[in-house]
Amino acid sequence: VQLQASGGGLVQPGESLRLSCAASGISFSIYLMGWYRQAPGNQRELVATIKSVGFANYAESVKGRVTISRDNAKNTVYLQMNNLEPDDTAVYYCKAVLNREYWGQGTQVTVSS
């Protein structure tokens, strides 16, 4: 099983990024997919999750700025992040959950002027 996250980078406050996580080795369409993040010195926290049928759930801190989506034909989950803030700086990880969970390797997002 592999979860390959990409799309991170250095952006200025107010800018946008779209993260992608490509999955292989699992029946992607039936998995709950999620994005989490971990800032230095902090615990890993939920950003958003999306069920196999597309129902999404968001952390309060990102509601209205972030959209999670999935393309089951491409085995990929996305995280569109708009109006980024310095507090969004973290390593972003994707996770796949069914009977067990799998984590991707993370992609760094840095928001700084």
C-alpha atoms as a PDB file:
ATOM      1  CA  VAL A   1       0.000   0.000   0.000  1.00  0.00           C
ATOM      2  CA  GLN A   2       1.273   3.435  -0.923  1.00  0.00           C
ATOM      3  CA  LEU A   3      -0.160   6.870  -0.322  1.00  0.00           C
ATOM      4  CA  GLN A   4       1.845   9.477  -2.209  1.00  0.00           C
ATOM      5  CA  ALA A   5       1.120  13.038  -1.110  1.00  0.00           C
ATOM      6  CA  SER A   6       2.205  15.992  -3.200  1.00  0.00           C
ATOM      7  CA  GLY A   7       1.460  19.642  -3.861  1.00  0.00           C
ATOM      8  CA  GLY A   8       2.951  21.302  -0.824  1.00  0.00           C
ATOM      9  CA  GLY A   9       5.170  24.324  -0.988  1.00  0.00           C
ATOM     10  CA  LEU A  10       5.935  27.820   0.210  1.00  0.00           C
ATOM     11  CA  VAL A  11       3.165  30.349  -0.295  1.00  0.00           C
ATOM     12  CA  GLN A  12       2.277  33.792   1.004  1.00  0.00           C
ATOM     13  CA  PRO A  13      -0.710  34.448   3.277  1.00  0.00           C
ATOM     14  CA  GLY A  14      -3.921  34.584   1.288  1.00  0.00           C
ATOM     15  CA  GLU A  15      -2.681  32.316  -1.475  1.00  0.00           C
ATOM     16  CA  SER A  16      -3.948  28.844  -2.368  1.00  0.00           C
ATOM     17  CA  LEU A  17      -2.583  25.341  -2.712  1.00  0.00           C
ATOM     18  CA  ARG A  18      -4.029  22.051  -3.850  1.00  0.00           C
ATOM     19  CA  LEU A  19      -2.643  18.923  -2.287  1.00  0.00           C
ATOM     20  CA  SER A  20      -3.018  15.523  -3.902  1.00  0.00           C
ATOM     21  CA  CYS A  21      -2.696  12.050  -2.481  1.00  0.00           C
ATOM     22  CA  ALA A  22      -2.489   9.155  -4.909  1.00  0.00           C
ATOM     23  CA  ALA A  23      -3.238   5.729  -3.471  1.00  0.00           C
ATOM     24  CA  SER A  24      -2.173   2.325  -4.695  1.00  0.00           C
ATOM     25  CA  GLY A  25      -2.581  -1.169  -3.324  1.00  0.00           C
ATOM     26  CA  ILE A  26      -6.044  -0.600  -1.856  1.00  0.00           C
ATOM     27  CA  SER A  27      -9.598  -0.609  -3.144  1.00  0.00           C
ATOM     28  CA  PHE A  28      -9.581   3.154  -2.957  1.00  0.00           C
ATOM     29  CA  SER A  29     -13.262   3.781  -3.625  1.00  0.00           C
ATOM     30  CA  ILE A  30     -14.428   2.062  -0.429  1.00  0.00           C
ATOM     31  CA  TYR A  31     -11.956   3.741   1.912  1.00  0.00           C
ATOM     32  CA  LEU A  32     -12.565   6.738   4.102  1.00  0.00           C
ATOM     33  CA  MET A  33      -9.861   9.220   3.122  1.00  0.00           C
ATOM     34  CA  GLY A  34      -8.539  12.019   5.252  1.00  0.00           C
ATOM     35  CA  TRP A  35      -6.041  14.828   5.461  1.00  0.00           C
ATOM     36  CA  TYR A  36      -4.242  15.580   8.710  1.00  0.00           C
ATOM     37  CA  ARG A  37      -1.515  18.011   9.585  1.00  0.00           C
ATOM     38  CA  GLN A  38       1.227  18.355  12.141  1.00  0.00           C
ATOM     39  CA  ALA A  39       2.976  21.590  12.975  1.00  0.00           C
ATOM     40  CA  PRO A  40       6.307  21.611  14.841  1.00  0.00           C
ATOM     41  CA  GLY A  41       5.733  20.908  18.512  1.00  0.00           C
ATOM     42  CA  ASN A  42       2.085  20.039  17.991  1.00  0.00           C
ATOM     43  CA  GLN A  43       0.149  16.814  17.752  1.00  0.00           C
ATOM     44  CA  ARG A  44      -1.164  15.624  14.439  1.00  0.00           C
ATOM     45  CA  GLU A  45      -4.664  16.974  13.888  1.00  0.00           C
ATOM     46  CA  LEU A  46      -7.553  16.361  11.572  1.00  0.00           C
ATOM     47  CA  VAL A  47      -8.054  18.722   8.657  1.00  0.00           C
ATOM     48  CA  ALA A  48     -10.778  16.987   6.677  1.00  0.00           C
ATOM     49  CA  THR A  49     -12.184  13.585   5.823  1.00  0.00           C
ATOM     50  CA  ILE A  50     -14.298  12.311   2.973  1.00  0.00           C
ATOM     51  CA  LYS A  51     -16.332   9.127   2.856  1.00  0.00           C
ATOM     52  CA  SER A  52     -16.480   6.802  -0.100  1.00  0.00           C
ATOM     53  CA  VAL A  53     -19.747   8.367  -1.227  1.00  0.00           C
ATOM     54  CA  GLY A  54     -18.346  11.871  -0.918  1.00  0.00           C
ATOM     55  CA  PHE A  55     -19.667  13.135   2.415  1.00  0.00           C
ATOM     56  CA  ALA A  56     -17.047  15.496   3.834  1.00  0.00           C
ATOM     57  CA  ASN A  57     -16.170  16.612   7.338  1.00  0.00           C
ATOM     58  CA  TYR A  58     -13.924  19.553   8.269  1.00  0.00           C
ATOM     59  CA  ALA A  59     -12.058  20.841  11.272  1.00  0.00           C
ATOM     60  CA  GLU A  60     -13.523  24.089  12.532  1.00  0.00           C
ATOM     61  CA  SER A  61     -10.233  25.876  11.949  1.00  0.00           C
ATOM     62  CA  VAL A  62     -10.378  25.312   8.185  1.00  0.00           C
ATOM     63  CA  LYS A  63     -14.108  25.414   7.445  1.00  0.00           C
ATOM     64  CA  GLY A  64     -14.874  27.740   4.586  1.00  0.00           C
ATOM     65  CA  ARG A  65     -11.265  27.802   3.361  1.00  0.00           C
ATOM     66  CA  VAL A  66     -10.650  24.150   2.562  1.00  0.00           C
ATOM     67  CA  THR A  67     -12.373  21.630   0.305  1.00  0.00           C
ATOM     68  CA  ILE A  68     -11.647  17.925   0.276  1.00  0.00           C
ATOM     69  CA  SER A  69     -12.592  15.911  -2.778  1.00  0.00           C
ATOM     70  CA  ARG A  70     -11.832  12.554  -4.306  1.00  0.00           C
ATOM     71  CA  ASP A  71     -11.618  11.013  -7.743  1.00  0.00           C
ATOM     72  CA  ASN A  72     -12.211   7.304  -7.335  1.00  0.00           C
ATOM     73  CA  ALA A  73     -11.298   6.670 -10.973  1.00  0.00           C
ATOM     74  CA  LYS A  74      -7.841   8.112 -10.303  1.00  0.00           C
ATOM     75  CA  ASN A  75      -7.463   6.714  -6.759  1.00  0.00           C
ATOM     76  CA  THR A  76      -6.695  10.227  -5.619  1.00  0.00           C
ATOM     77  CA  VAL A  77      -7.909  12.505  -2.848  1.00  0.00           C
ATOM     78  CA  TYR A  78      -7.411  16.260  -3.013  1.00  0.00           C
ATOM     79  CA  LEU A  79      -7.281  19.102  -0.542  1.00  0.00           C
ATOM     80  CA  GLN A  80      -7.927  22.549  -1.978  1.00  0.00           C
ATOM     81  CA  MET A  81      -6.787  25.178   0.489  1.00  0.00           C
ATOM     82  CA  ASN A  82      -7.620  28.829  -0.065  1.00  0.00           C
ATOM     83  CA  ASN A  83      -6.811  31.995   1.831  1.00  0.00           C
ATOM     84  CA  LEU A  84      -3.937  30.259   3.582  1.00  0.00           C
ATOM     85  CA  GLU A  85      -2.755  31.590   6.913  1.00  0.00           C
ATOM     86  CA  PRO A  86       0.592  31.250   8.716  1.00  0.00           C
ATOM     87  CA  ASP A  87      -1.126  28.917  11.203  1.00  0.00           C
ATOM     88  CA  ASP A  88      -1.730  26.492   8.332  1.00  0.00           C
ATOM     89  CA  THR A  89       2.008  25.831   8.192  1.00  0.00           C
ATOM     90  CA  ALA A  90       2.512  22.126   8.821  1.00  0.00           C
ATOM     91  CA  VAL A  91       3.329  18.803   7.269  1.00  0.00           C
ATOM     92  CA  TYR A  92       0.144  17.503   5.687  1.00  0.00           C
ATOM     93  CA  TYR A  93      -0.532  13.778   5.659  1.00  0.00           C
ATOM     94  CA  CYS A  94      -3.188  11.740   3.944  1.00  0.00           C
ATOM     95  CA  LYS A  95      -4.756   8.695   5.547  1.00  0.00           C
ATOM     96  CA  ALA A  96      -6.847   5.817   4.251  1.00  0.00           C
ATOM     97  CA  VAL A  97      -9.122   3.968   6.653  1.00  0.00           C
ATOM     98  CA  LEU A  98     -11.196   0.844   6.315  1.00  0.00           C
ATOM     99  CA  ASN A  99     -10.480  -2.084   8.614  1.00  0.00           C
ATOM    100  CA  ARG A 100      -7.060  -0.585   9.271  1.00  0.00           C
ATOM    101  CA  GLU A 101      -5.415   2.680   8.479  1.00  0.00           C
ATOM    102  CA  TYR A 102      -2.601   3.677   6.177  1.00  0.00           C
ATOM    103  CA  TRP A 103      -0.623   6.915   6.205  1.00  0.00           C
ATOM    104  CA  GLY A 104       1.177   8.745   3.454  1.00  0.00           C
ATOM    105  CA  GLN A 105       4.614  10.292   3.860  1.00  0.00           C
ATOM    106  CA  GLY A 106       3.493  13.917   4.203  1.00  0.00           C
ATOM    107  CA  THR A 107       4.007  17.080   2.226  1.00  0.00           C
ATOM    108  CA  GLN A 108       5.249  20.352   3.713  1.00  0.00           C
ATOM    109  CA  VAL A 109       3.086  23.453   3.514  1.00  0.00           C
ATOM    110  CA  THR A 110       4.678  26.709   4.604  1.00  0.00           C
ATOM    111  CA  VAL A 111       2.706  29.933   4.690  1.00  0.00           C
ATOM    112  CA  SER A 112       4.919  32.925   5.189  1.00  0.00           C
ATOM    113  CA  SER A 113       5.414  36.429   3.878  1.00  0.00           C
END
